Amino acid sequence: MPQDVLQSACPATCPRLPDEDAIGLRHRFVDANGLRFHVVEAGSGPLVLLLHGFPEFWYGWRSQLPALAQHFRVVAPDLRGYNLSDKPASGYDFETLTSDVPALIRALGAERAHVVGHDWGGMLAWGAAMLHPECVDRLAILNAPHPGAYLREITRNPRQMLSSWYIGLFQVRGLAEWTLTRGNGQGVADLLLSSTVEPECFWPDHLAPYRRAMLRPGAARTTLAYYRALARTPPSRIRKRLRPVQAETLLIWGMKDPALVSELTTGLDAWVPRLRIERIPEAGHWVQHERPDQVNGLLLEHLR
């Protein structure tokens, strides 16, 4: 499919933001790394690539798209396996997922981009900055641990070990998929509500799109494939991929994250020499939803 072909049917199958027409939000598909990715874009200027985490999709950046589009060409894809993007049976290992990032940047007609990632999208952003530094201009990470820091804490920090219990659940095929899709998608809604410090961030109108996205054929299996591939990856293999991050980096961290301990934000100097950390005491894992204005201000300051 040509990269510049707009999909006229897509807006009817995607959630729409209240001011989508006002900010000129555009839905289309691009071919990258052998897959078809659904992307949402707005604005003009330097490219900013927004990479969502689990169990979200492009809609996880609903509060950032209007703010960033005033100054940048901002693109939020559905990652491999999510929502309207392709859902291959394989390719969920760290190296392949990371290679999707430069491929998407090239498919969007650019050589470099500012890259912003949250949760699993943050892991891909870390990976792109380490393994494909030529494609990353500035880097911003939201509540996603540096892979080296995560390996450090998961082996020595009992609180991180306990907080990672859900990764074990996600290995149980069938049960994990049912957990997310039960009750016509109520499972994924419950996951979001139970893991935020401000449940009003996920009102029913916000949760309905997540439910629809998780109920798409194969979506539960492929979104969980990220965790299953991670569990099969020897730590030594990840350590071999660690490189100093050359990009100027902003790390935004909601300190009430129930799944990731605050120690993950310390001891990063050797891996990320040009690092600024902004810790937000009253926010949790969904910091971009819980403190959108603060996050938007920090992103604009860093990227501009």
C-alpha atoms as a PDB file:
ATOM      1  CA  MET A   1       0.000   0.000   0.000  1.00  0.00           C
ATOM      2  CA  PRO A   2       1.464   3.427  -0.866  1.00  0.00           C
ATOM      3  CA  GLN A   3       2.580   5.260   2.213  1.00  0.00           C
ATOM      4  CA  ASP A   4       0.690   8.440   1.373  1.00  0.00           C
ATOM      5  CA  VAL A   5      -2.710   6.802   0.859  1.00  0.00           C
ATOM      6  CA  LEU A   6      -5.205   7.997   3.462  1.00  0.00           C
ATOM      7  CA  GLN A   7      -7.545   5.315   4.710  1.00  0.00           C
ATOM      8  CA  SER A   8     -11.008   6.809   4.399  1.00  0.00           C
ATOM      9  CA  ALA A   9     -12.512   4.038   6.530  1.00  0.00           C
ATOM     10  CA  CYS A  10     -10.089   4.507   9.385  1.00  0.00           C
ATOM     11  CA  PRO A  11     -11.745   7.436  11.224  1.00  0.00           C
ATOM     12  CA  ALA A  12     -14.935   5.392  11.446  1.00  0.00           C
ATOM     13  CA  THR A  13     -13.094   2.564  13.200  1.00  0.00           C
ATOM     14  CA  CYS A  14     -10.834   4.686  15.415  1.00  0.00           C
ATOM     15  CA  PRO A  15     -11.689   6.795  18.456  1.00  0.00           C
ATOM     16  CA  ARG A  16     -11.727  10.499  17.682  1.00  0.00           C
ATOM     17  CA  LEU A  17     -10.403  13.245  19.886  1.00  0.00           C
ATOM     18  CA  PRO A  18     -12.841  16.066  20.705  1.00  0.00           C
ATOM     19  CA  ASP A  19     -10.705  18.594  18.799  1.00  0.00           C
ATOM     20  CA  GLU A  20      -9.441  16.214  16.121  1.00  0.00           C
ATOM     21  CA  ASP A  21     -10.613  18.391  13.235  1.00  0.00           C
ATOM     22  CA  ALA A  22      -9.291  21.551  14.859  1.00  0.00           C
ATOM     23  CA  ILE A  23      -5.756  20.173  15.184  1.00  0.00           C
ATOM     24  CA  GLY A  24      -5.878  18.497  11.773  1.00  0.00           C
ATOM     25  CA  LEU A  25      -5.367  14.957  13.040  1.00  0.00           C
ATOM     26  CA  ARG A  26      -4.835  12.546  10.155  1.00  0.00           C
ATOM     27  CA  HIS A  27      -5.147   8.741  10.149  1.00  0.00           C
ATOM     28  CA  ARG A  28      -3.244   6.652   7.625  1.00  0.00           C
ATOM     29  CA  PHE A  29      -1.145   3.517   7.181  1.00  0.00           C
ATOM     30  CA  VAL A  30       2.555   3.265   6.361  1.00  0.00           C
ATOM     31  CA  ASP A  31       4.685   0.268   5.417  1.00  0.00           C
ATOM     32  CA  ALA A  32       7.772  -0.204   7.600  1.00  0.00           C
ATOM     33  CA  ASN A  33      10.005  -3.155   8.484  1.00  0.00           C
ATOM     34  CA  GLY A  34       7.808  -5.478   6.453  1.00  0.00           C
ATOM     35  CA  LEU A  35       4.599  -4.548   8.289  1.00  0.00           C
ATOM     36  CA  ARG A  36       1.708  -2.130   7.871  1.00  0.00           C
ATOM     37  CA  PHE A  37       1.450   0.360  10.733  1.00  0.00           C
ATOM     38  CA  HIS A  38      -1.524   2.561  11.500  1.00  0.00           C
ATOM     39  CA  VAL A  39      -0.354   6.073  12.396  1.00  0.00           C
ATOM     40  CA  VAL A  40      -2.025   9.261  13.544  1.00  0.00           C
ATOM     41  CA  GLU A  41      -0.297  12.544  12.792  1.00  0.00           C
ATOM     42  CA  ALA A  42      -0.781  16.276  13.117  1.00  0.00           C
ATOM     43  CA  GLY A  43       1.156  19.496  12.765  1.00  0.00           C
ATOM     44  CA  SER A  44       4.260  20.339  10.771  1.00  0.00           C
ATOM     45  CA  GLY A  45       7.946  20.881  11.386  1.00  0.00           C
ATOM     46  CA  PRO A  46      10.533  18.576  12.960  1.00  0.00           C
ATOM     47  CA  LEU A  47       9.267  15.035  13.394  1.00  0.00           C
ATOM     48  CA  VAL A  48       8.304  13.796  16.873  1.00  0.00           C
ATOM     49  CA  LEU A  49       7.529  10.077  17.153  1.00  0.00           C
ATOM     50  CA  LEU A  50       5.319   9.065  20.110  1.00  0.00           C
ATOM     51  CA  LEU A  51       5.592   5.407  21.151  1.00  0.00           C
ATOM     52  CA  HIS A  52       2.840   4.099  23.436  1.00  0.00           C
ATOM     53  CA  GLY A  53       3.055   1.303  25.980  1.00  0.00           C
ATOM     54  CA  PHE A  54       0.951  -1.641  27.146  1.00  0.00           C
ATOM     55  CA  PRO A  55      -2.044  -1.895  26.952  1.00  0.00           C
ATOM     56  CA  GLU A  56      -2.520   1.350  25.059  1.00  0.00           C
ATOM     57  CA  PHE A  57      -2.302   2.381  21.393  1.00  0.00           C
ATOM     58  CA  TRP A  58      -1.974   5.762  19.655  1.00  0.00           C
ATOM     59  CA  TYR A  59      -4.892   7.027  21.766  1.00  0.00           C
ATOM     60  CA  GLY A  60      -2.597   6.955  24.809  1.00  0.00           C
ATOM     61  CA  TRP A  61      -1.130  10.251  23.560  1.00  0.00           C
ATOM     62  CA  ARG A  62      -4.508  12.009  23.308  1.00  0.00           C
ATOM     63  CA  SER A  63      -3.419  14.730  25.753  1.00  0.00           C
ATOM     64  CA  GLN A  64      -0.043  15.302  24.082  1.00  0.00           C
ATOM     65  CA  LEU A  65      -0.986  15.367  20.396  1.00  0.00           C
ATOM     66  CA  PRO A  66      -2.729  18.780  20.410  1.00  0.00           C
ATOM     67  CA  ALA A  67       0.025  20.465  22.446  1.00  0.00           C
ATOM     68  CA  LEU A  68       2.948  19.083  20.449  1.00  0.00           C
ATOM     69  CA  ALA A  69       1.257  19.608  17.083  1.00  0.00           C
ATOM     70  CA  GLN A  70       1.448  23.371  17.614  1.00  0.00           C
ATOM     71  CA  HIS A  71       5.220  23.191  17.133  1.00  0.00           C
ATOM     72  CA  PHE A  72       6.063  19.841  15.519  1.00  0.00           C
ATOM     73  CA  ARG A  73       4.950  17.242  13.057  1.00  0.00           C
ATOM     74  CA  VAL A  74       3.875  14.689  15.640  1.00  0.00           C
ATOM     75  CA  VAL A  75       3.143  11.066  14.748  1.00  0.00           C
ATOM     76  CA  ALA A  76       1.703   8.428  17.089  1.00  0.00           C
ATOM     77  CA  PRO A  77       1.718   4.915  15.612  1.00  0.00           C
ATOM     78  CA  ASP A  78      -0.014   1.807  16.842  1.00  0.00           C
ATOM     79  CA  LEU A  79       2.979  -0.376  17.652  1.00  0.00           C
ATOM     80  CA  ARG A  80       3.487  -3.817  16.148  1.00  0.00           C
ATOM     81  CA  GLY A  81       0.673  -6.065  17.350  1.00  0.00           C
ATOM     82  CA  TYR A  82      -1.597  -3.264  18.575  1.00  0.00           C
ATOM     83  CA  ASN A  83      -4.980  -1.972  17.443  1.00  0.00           C
ATOM     84  CA  LEU A  84      -4.966  -1.441  13.640  1.00  0.00           C
ATOM     85  CA  SER A  85      -1.302  -2.238  12.970  1.00  0.00           C
ATOM     86  CA  ASP A  86      -0.243  -5.648  11.697  1.00  0.00           C
ATOM     87  CA  LYS A  87      -0.082  -8.500  14.203  1.00  0.00           C
ATOM     88  CA  PRO A  88       2.594 -10.944  13.048  1.00  0.00           C
ATOM     89  CA  ALA A  89       3.155 -14.203  14.874  1.00  0.00           C
ATOM     90  CA  SER A  90       6.789 -13.319  15.643  1.00  0.00           C
ATOM     91  CA  GLY A  91       9.120 -10.339  15.902  1.00  0.00           C
ATOM     92  CA  TYR A  92       8.526  -9.321  19.511  1.00  0.00           C
ATOM     93  CA  ASP A  93      12.114  -9.674  20.661  1.00  0.00           C
ATOM     94  CA  PHE A  94      13.911  -6.534  21.785  1.00  0.00           C
ATOM     95  CA  GLU A  95      16.075  -6.183  18.676  1.00  0.00           C
ATOM     96  CA  THR A  96      13.212  -6.538  16.190  1.00  0.00           C
ATOM     97  CA  LEU A  97      10.910  -4.219  18.118  1.00  0.00           C
ATOM     98  CA  THR A  98      13.675  -1.658  18.351  1.00  0.00           C
ATOM     99  CA  SER A  99      14.309  -1.879  14.592  1.00  0.00           C
ATOM    100  CA  ASP A 100      10.690  -0.815  13.997  1.00  0.00           C
ATOM    101  CA  VAL A 101      11.611   2.676  15.219  1.00  0.00           C
ATOM    102  CA  PRO A 102      14.126   3.701  12.501  1.00  0.00           C
ATOM    103  CA  ALA A 103      11.962   1.919   9.929  1.00  0.00           C
ATOM    104  CA  LEU A 104       8.953   4.028  10.938  1.00  0.00           C
ATOM    105  CA  ILE A 105      11.006   7.216  10.832  1.00  0.00           C
ATOM    106  CA  ARG A 106      12.144   6.428   7.277  1.00  0.00           C
ATOM    107  CA  ALA A 107       8.613   5.444   6.247  1.00  0.00           C
ATOM    108  CA  LEU A 108       7.477   8.861   7.428  1.00  0.00           C
ATOM    109  CA  GLY A 109       9.984  10.488   5.080  1.00  0.00           C
ATOM    110  CA  ALA A 110      12.621  11.505   7.630  1.00  0.00           C
ATOM    111  CA  GLU A 111      16.104  10.380   8.603  1.00  0.00           C
ATOM    112  CA  ARG A 112      15.939  11.461  12.253  1.00  0.00           C
ATOM    113  CA  ALA A 113      13.253  12.277  14.786  1.00  0.00           C
ATOM    114  CA  HIS A 114      12.722  13.285  18.359  1.00  0.00           C
ATOM    115  CA  VAL A 115      11.523  10.081  20.019  1.00  0.00           C
ATOM    116  CA  VAL A 116       9.169   9.989  23.014  1.00  0.00           C
ATOM    117  CA  GLY A 117       8.190   6.716  24.642  1.00  0.00           C
ATOM    118  CA  HIS A 118       6.116   5.503  27.581  1.00  0.00           C
ATOM    119  CA  ASP A 119       6.203   2.038  29.185  1.00  0.00           C
ATOM    120  CA  TRP A 120       7.003  -0.495  26.400  1.00  0.00           C
ATOM    121  CA  GLY A 121       7.242   2.388  23.961  1.00  0.00           C
ATOM    122  CA  GLY A 122       9.894   3.804  26.266  1.00  0.00           C
ATOM    123  CA  MET A 123      11.791   0.514  26.109  1.00  0.00           C
ATOM    124  CA  LEU A 124      11.741   0.725  22.315  1.00  0.00           C
ATOM    125  CA  ALA A 125      12.876   4.337  22.517  1.00  0.00           C
ATOM    126  CA  TRP A 126      15.795   3.381  24.796  1.00  0.00           C
ATOM    127  CA  GLY A 127      16.672   0.607  22.349  1.00  0.00           C
ATOM    128  CA  ALA A 128      16.547   2.883  19.308  1.00  0.00           C
ATOM    129  CA  ALA A 129      18.775   5.456  21.015  1.00  0.00           C
ATOM    130  CA  MET A 130      21.316   2.734  21.860  1.00  0.00           C
ATOM    131  CA  LEU A 131      21.241   0.581  18.718  1.00  0.00           C
ATOM    132  CA  HIS A 132      20.202   3.142  16.085  1.00  0.00           C
ATOM    133  CA  PRO A 133      21.602   6.445  17.393  1.00  0.00           C
ATOM    134  CA  GLU A 134      21.714   7.945  13.911  1.00  0.00           C
ATOM    135  CA  CYS A 135      17.903   8.138  13.843  1.00  0.00           C
ATOM    136  CA  VAL A 136      17.281   9.714  17.268  1.00  0.00           C
ATOM    137  CA  ASP A 137      17.634  13.444  17.781  1.00  0.00           C
ATOM    138  CA  ARG A 138      16.319  14.119  21.290  1.00  0.00           C
ATOM    139  CA  LEU A 139      14.922  11.421  23.527  1.00  0.00           C
ATOM    140  CA  ALA A 140      12.153  11.623  26.134  1.00  0.00           C
ATOM    141  CA  ILE A 141      11.128   8.684  28.315  1.00  0.00           C
ATOM    142  CA  LEU A 142       8.045   8.426  30.545  1.00  0.00           C
ATOM    143  CA  ASN A 143       8.021   5.733  33.248  1.00  0.00           C
ATOM    144  CA  ALA A 144      10.025   3.212  31.292  1.00  0.00           C
ATOM    145  CA  PRO A 145      13.201   1.870  32.892  1.00  0.00           C
ATOM    146  CA  HIS A 146      16.536   1.861  31.157  1.00  0.00           C
ATOM    147  CA  PRO A 147      17.140  -1.847  30.352  1.00  0.00           C
ATOM    148  CA  GLY A 148      20.359  -1.880  32.366  1.00  0.00           C
ATOM    149  CA  ALA A 149      18.674  -0.369  35.390  1.00  0.00           C
ATOM    150  CA  TYR A 150      15.788  -2.825  35.162  1.00  0.00           C
ATOM    151  CA  LEU A 151      18.154  -5.812  35.079  1.00  0.00           C
ATOM    152  CA  ARG A 152      19.962  -4.371  38.072  1.00  0.00           C
ATOM    153  CA  GLU A 153      16.852  -3.863  40.178  1.00  0.00           C
ATOM    154  CA  ILE A 154      15.015  -7.057  39.213  1.00  0.00           C
ATOM    155  CA  THR A 155      17.949  -9.096  40.530  1.00  0.00           C
ATOM    156  CA  ARG A 156      18.583  -7.224  43.783  1.00  0.00           C
ATOM    157  CA  ASN A 157      15.499  -5.248  44.763  1.00  0.00           C
ATOM    158  CA  PRO A 158      12.746  -7.339  46.443  1.00  0.00           C
ATOM    159  CA  ARG A 159      10.159  -4.611  45.850  1.00  0.00           C
ATOM    160  CA  GLN A 160      10.795  -4.674  42.100  1.00  0.00           C
ATOM    161  CA  MET A 161      10.650  -8.466  42.097  1.00  0.00           C
ATOM    162  CA  LEU A 162       7.238  -8.356  43.798  1.00  0.00           C
ATOM    163  CA  SER A 163       6.014  -5.514  41.577  1.00  0.00           C
ATOM    164  CA  SER A 164       6.798  -7.563  38.469  1.00  0.00           C
ATOM    165  CA  TRP A 165       4.424 -10.396  39.409  1.00  0.00           C
ATOM    166  CA  TYR A 166       2.143  -9.676  36.464  1.00  0.00           C
ATOM    167  CA  ILE A 167       4.879 -10.663  33.985  1.00  0.00           C
ATOM    168  CA  GLY A 168       4.543 -14.211  35.285  1.00  0.00           C
ATOM    169  CA  LEU A 169       0.768 -14.102  34.816  1.00  0.00           C
ATOM    170  CA  PHE A 170       1.224 -12.906  31.243  1.00  0.00           C
ATOM    171  CA  GLN A 171       3.167 -16.080  30.416  1.00  0.00           C
ATOM    172  CA  VAL A 172       0.083 -18.260  31.002  1.00  0.00           C
ATOM    173  CA  ARG A 173      -1.410 -18.630  27.549  1.00  0.00           C
ATOM    174  CA  GLY A 174      -5.160 -18.478  27.443  1.00  0.00           C
ATOM    175  CA  LEU A 175      -5.564 -17.216  30.989  1.00  0.00           C
ATOM    176  CA  ALA A 176      -3.687 -13.982  30.296  1.00  0.00           C
ATOM    177  CA  GLU A 177      -5.685 -13.334  27.111  1.00  0.00           C
ATOM    178  CA  TRP A 178      -8.916 -13.982  28.996  1.00  0.00           C
ATOM    179  CA  THR A 179      -7.814 -11.598  31.753  1.00  0.00           C
ATOM    180  CA  LEU A 180      -7.599  -8.766  29.229  1.00  0.00           C
ATOM    181  CA  THR A 181     -10.661  -9.533  27.125  1.00  0.00           C
ATOM    182  CA  ARG A 182     -13.153 -10.862  29.685  1.00  0.00           C
ATOM    183  CA  GLY A 183     -16.434  -9.026  29.969  1.00  0.00           C
ATOM    184  CA  ASN A 184     -16.266  -7.601  26.453  1.00  0.00           C
ATOM    185  CA  GLY A 185     -12.921  -5.974  27.218  1.00  0.00           C
ATOM    186  CA  GLN A 186     -13.689  -5.020  30.801  1.00  0.00           C
ATOM    187  CA  GLY A 187     -10.463  -6.774  31.789  1.00  0.00           C
ATOM    188  CA  VAL A 188      -8.251  -4.193  30.116  1.00  0.00           C
ATOM    189  CA  ALA A 189     -10.405  -1.401  31.547  1.00  0.00           C
ATOM    190  CA  ASP A 190      -9.977  -2.834  35.058  1.00  0.00           C
ATOM    191  CA  LEU A 191      -6.213  -3.064  34.525  1.00  0.00           C
ATOM    192  CA  LEU A 192      -6.009   0.634  33.665  1.00  0.00           C
ATOM    193  CA  LEU A 193      -8.277   1.711  36.515  1.00  0.00           C
ATOM    194  CA  SER A 194      -6.468  -0.371  39.112  1.00  0.00           C
ATOM    195  CA  SER A 195      -3.032   0.911  38.164  1.00  0.00           C
ATOM    196  CA  THR A 196      -3.643   4.664  38.126  1.00  0.00           C
ATOM    197  CA  VAL A 197      -3.445   7.024  41.101  1.00  0.00           C
ATOM    198  CA  GLU A 198      -6.210   9.145  39.538  1.00  0.00           C
ATOM    199  CA  PRO A 199      -9.046   6.949  38.212  1.00  0.00           C
ATOM    200  CA  GLU A 200     -10.743   9.995  36.687  1.00  0.00           C
ATOM    201  CA  CYS A 201      -8.042   9.829  33.992  1.00  0.00           C
ATOM    202  CA  PHE A 202      -9.892   6.817  32.621  1.00  0.00           C
ATOM    203  CA  TRP A 203     -13.564   7.714  32.487  1.00  0.00           C
ATOM    204  CA  PRO A 204     -15.852   5.276  30.621  1.00  0.00           C
ATOM    205  CA  ASP A 205     -15.581   7.399  27.475  1.00  0.00           C
ATOM    206  CA  HIS A 206     -11.796   7.001  27.656  1.00  0.00           C
ATOM    207  CA  LEU A 207     -11.938   3.280  28.398  1.00  0.00           C
ATOM    208  CA  ALA A 208     -14.230   2.277  25.537  1.00  0.00           C
ATOM    209  CA  PRO A 209     -11.517   2.755  22.878  1.00  0.00           C
ATOM    210  CA  TYR A 210      -9.087   0.587  24.867  1.00  0.00           C
ATOM    211  CA  ARG A 211     -11.686  -2.149  25.101  1.00  0.00           C
ATOM    212  CA  ARG A 212     -12.325  -2.057  21.350  1.00  0.00           C
ATOM    213  CA  ALA A 213      -8.606  -2.106  20.566  1.00  0.00           C
ATOM    214  CA  MET A 214      -7.936  -5.114  22.803  1.00  0.00           C
ATOM    215  CA  LEU A 215     -10.878  -7.019  21.310  1.00  0.00           C
ATOM    216  CA  ARG A 216      -9.543  -6.781  17.757  1.00  0.00           C
ATOM    217  CA  PRO A 217      -8.728 -10.261  16.404  1.00  0.00           C
ATOM    218  CA  GLY A 218      -5.389 -11.446  17.748  1.00  0.00           C
ATOM    219  CA  ALA A 219      -4.650  -8.253  19.683  1.00  0.00           C
ATOM    220  CA  ALA A 220      -4.570  -9.795  23.162  1.00  0.00           C
ATOM    221  CA  ARG A 221      -2.100 -12.443  22.015  1.00  0.00           C
ATOM    222  CA  THR A 222       0.233 -10.046  20.201  1.00  0.00           C
ATOM    223  CA  THR A 223       0.267  -7.372  22.890  1.00  0.00           C
ATOM    224  CA  LEU A 224       1.193 -10.046  25.429  1.00  0.00           C
ATOM    225  CA  ALA A 225       3.894 -11.330  23.061  1.00  0.00           C
ATOM    226  CA  TYR A 226       6.137  -8.443  24.176  1.00  0.00           C
ATOM    227  CA  TYR A 227       6.242  -9.898  27.698  1.00  0.00           C
ATOM    228  CA  ARG A 228       6.569 -13.483  26.522  1.00  0.00           C
ATOM    229  CA  ALA A 229       9.541 -12.675  24.306  1.00  0.00           C
ATOM    230  CA  LEU A 230      11.120 -10.733  27.166  1.00  0.00           C
ATOM    231  CA  ALA A 231      10.788 -13.724  29.499  1.00  0.00           C
ATOM    232  CA  ARG A 232      12.597 -15.911  26.948  1.00  0.00           C
ATOM    233  CA  THR A 233      15.492 -13.465  26.538  1.00  0.00           C
ATOM    234  CA  PRO A 234      18.601 -14.226  28.625  1.00  0.00           C
ATOM    235  CA  PRO A 235      19.735 -11.168  30.614  1.00  0.00           C
ATOM    236  CA  SER A 236      23.211 -11.591  29.136  1.00  0.00           C
ATOM    237  CA  ARG A 237      21.795 -10.966  25.668  1.00  0.00           C
ATOM    238  CA  ILE A 238      20.239  -7.686  26.769  1.00  0.00           C
ATOM    239  CA  ARG A 239      23.434  -6.601  28.529  1.00  0.00           C
ATOM    240  CA  LYS A 240      25.365  -7.131  25.291  1.00  0.00           C
ATOM    241  CA  ARG A 241      23.049  -4.633  23.584  1.00  0.00           C
ATOM    242  CA  LEU A 242      23.625  -1.863  26.106  1.00  0.00           C
ATOM    243  CA  ARG A 243      25.344   1.208  24.657  1.00  0.00           C
ATOM    244  CA  PRO A 244      25.736   4.726  26.016  1.00  0.00           C
ATOM    245  CA  VAL A 245      22.839   6.889  24.850  1.00  0.00           C
ATOM    246  CA  GLN A 246      24.230   9.756  22.804  1.00  0.00           C
ATOM    247  CA  ALA A 247      20.995  11.732  22.579  1.00  0.00           C
ATOM    248  CA  GLU A 248      20.087  14.486  24.993  1.00  0.00           C
ATOM    249  CA  THR A 249      17.552  12.712  27.192  1.00  0.00           C
ATOM    250  CA  LEU A 250      14.659  13.704  29.438  1.00  0.00           C
ATOM    251  CA  LEU A 251      13.315  11.104  31.879  1.00  0.00           C
ATOM    252  CA  ILE A 252       9.870  11.925  33.315  1.00  0.00           C
ATOM    253  CA  TRP A 253       8.901   9.661  36.211  1.00  0.00           C
ATOM    254  CA  GLY A 254       5.664   9.418  38.164  1.00  0.00           C
ATOM    255  CA  MET A 255       6.922   8.391  41.588  1.00  0.00           C
ATOM    256  CA  LYS A 256       3.769   6.460  42.578  1.00  0.00           C
ATOM    257  CA  ASP A 257       4.201   3.867  39.844  1.00  0.00           C
ATOM    258  CA  PRO A 258       2.888   0.559  41.271  1.00  0.00           C
ATOM    259  CA  ALA A 259       4.935  -1.581  38.864  1.00  0.00           C
ATOM    260  CA  LEU A 260       8.296   0.216  38.700  1.00  0.00           C
ATOM    261  CA  VAL A 261      10.335   1.250  41.736  1.00  0.00           C
ATOM    262  CA  SER A 262      11.852   4.718  42.001  1.00  0.00           C
ATOM    263  CA  GLU A 263      15.386   3.259  42.251  1.00  0.00           C
ATOM    264  CA  LEU A 264      15.147   2.702  38.500  1.00  0.00           C
ATOM    265  CA  THR A 265      15.770   6.435  38.082  1.00  0.00           C
ATOM    266  CA  THR A 266      19.140   6.339  39.870  1.00  0.00           C
ATOM    267  CA  GLY A 267      22.629   5.308  38.783  1.00  0.00           C
ATOM    268  CA  LEU A 268      22.049   6.064  35.090  1.00  0.00           C
ATOM    269  CA  ASP A 269      24.985   8.387  34.402  1.00  0.00           C
ATOM    270  CA  ALA A 270      27.218   5.781  32.769  1.00  0.00           C
ATOM    271  CA  TRP A 271      24.437   4.702  30.401  1.00  0.00           C
ATOM    272  CA  VAL A 272      22.893   8.125  29.730  1.00  0.00           C
ATOM    273  CA  PRO A 273      25.518  10.887  30.056  1.00  0.00           C
ATOM    274  CA  ARG A 274      23.241  13.722  28.860  1.00  0.00           C
ATOM    275  CA  LEU A 275      20.315  13.031  31.166  1.00  0.00           C
ATOM    276  CA  ARG A 276      17.802  15.261  32.914  1.00  0.00           C
ATOM    277  CA  ILE A 277      15.353  13.626  35.320  1.00  0.00           C
ATOM    278  CA  GLU A 278      12.006  15.144  36.300  1.00  0.00           C
ATOM    279  CA  ARG A 279      10.361  13.220  39.131  1.00  0.00           C
ATOM    280  CA  ILE A 280       6.655  13.973  39.693  1.00  0.00           C
ATOM    281  CA  PRO A 281       5.785  12.973  43.278  1.00  0.00           C
ATOM    282  CA  GLU A 282       1.985  12.759  43.000  1.00  0.00           C
ATOM    283  CA  ALA A 283       1.820  10.946  39.654  1.00  0.00           C
ATOM    284  CA  GLY A 284       2.032   7.259  38.911  1.00  0.00           C
ATOM    285  CA  HIS A 285       2.641   5.044  35.906  1.00  0.00           C
ATOM    286  CA  TRP A 286       0.170   6.895  33.653  1.00  0.00           C
ATOM    287  CA  VAL A 287       1.939  10.211  34.183  1.00  0.00           C
ATOM    288  CA  GLN A 288       0.963  11.588  30.747  1.00  0.00           C
ATOM    289  CA  HIS A 289      -2.709  11.177  31.701  1.00  0.00           C
ATOM    290  CA  GLU A 290      -2.438  12.068  35.382  1.00  0.00           C
ATOM    291  CA  ARG A 291      -0.363  15.250  34.874  1.00  0.00           C
ATOM    292  CA  PRO A 292      -0.865  16.119  31.176  1.00  0.00           C
ATOM    293  CA  ASP A 293      -0.160  19.844  31.410  1.00  0.00           C
ATOM    294  CA  GLN A 294       3.049  19.304  33.356  1.00  0.00           C
ATOM    295  CA  VAL A 295       4.213  16.563  31.006  1.00  0.00           C
ATOM    296  CA  ASN A 296       3.383  18.643  27.941  1.00  0.00           C
ATOM    297  CA  GLY A 297       5.348  21.592  29.304  1.00  0.00           C
ATOM    298  CA  LEU A 298       8.376  19.419  30.025  1.00  0.00           C
ATOM    299  CA  LEU A 299       8.246  17.807  26.586  1.00  0.00           C
ATOM    300  CA  LEU A 300       7.949  21.118  24.773  1.00  0.00           C
ATOM    301  CA  GLU A 301      10.817  22.603  26.774  1.00  0.00           C
ATOM    302  CA  HIS A 302      13.034  19.595  26.052  1.00  0.00           C
ATOM    303  CA  LEU A 303      12.189  19.105  22.390  1.00  0.00           C
ATOM    304  CA  ARG A 304      12.288  22.784  21.419  1.00  0.00           C
END
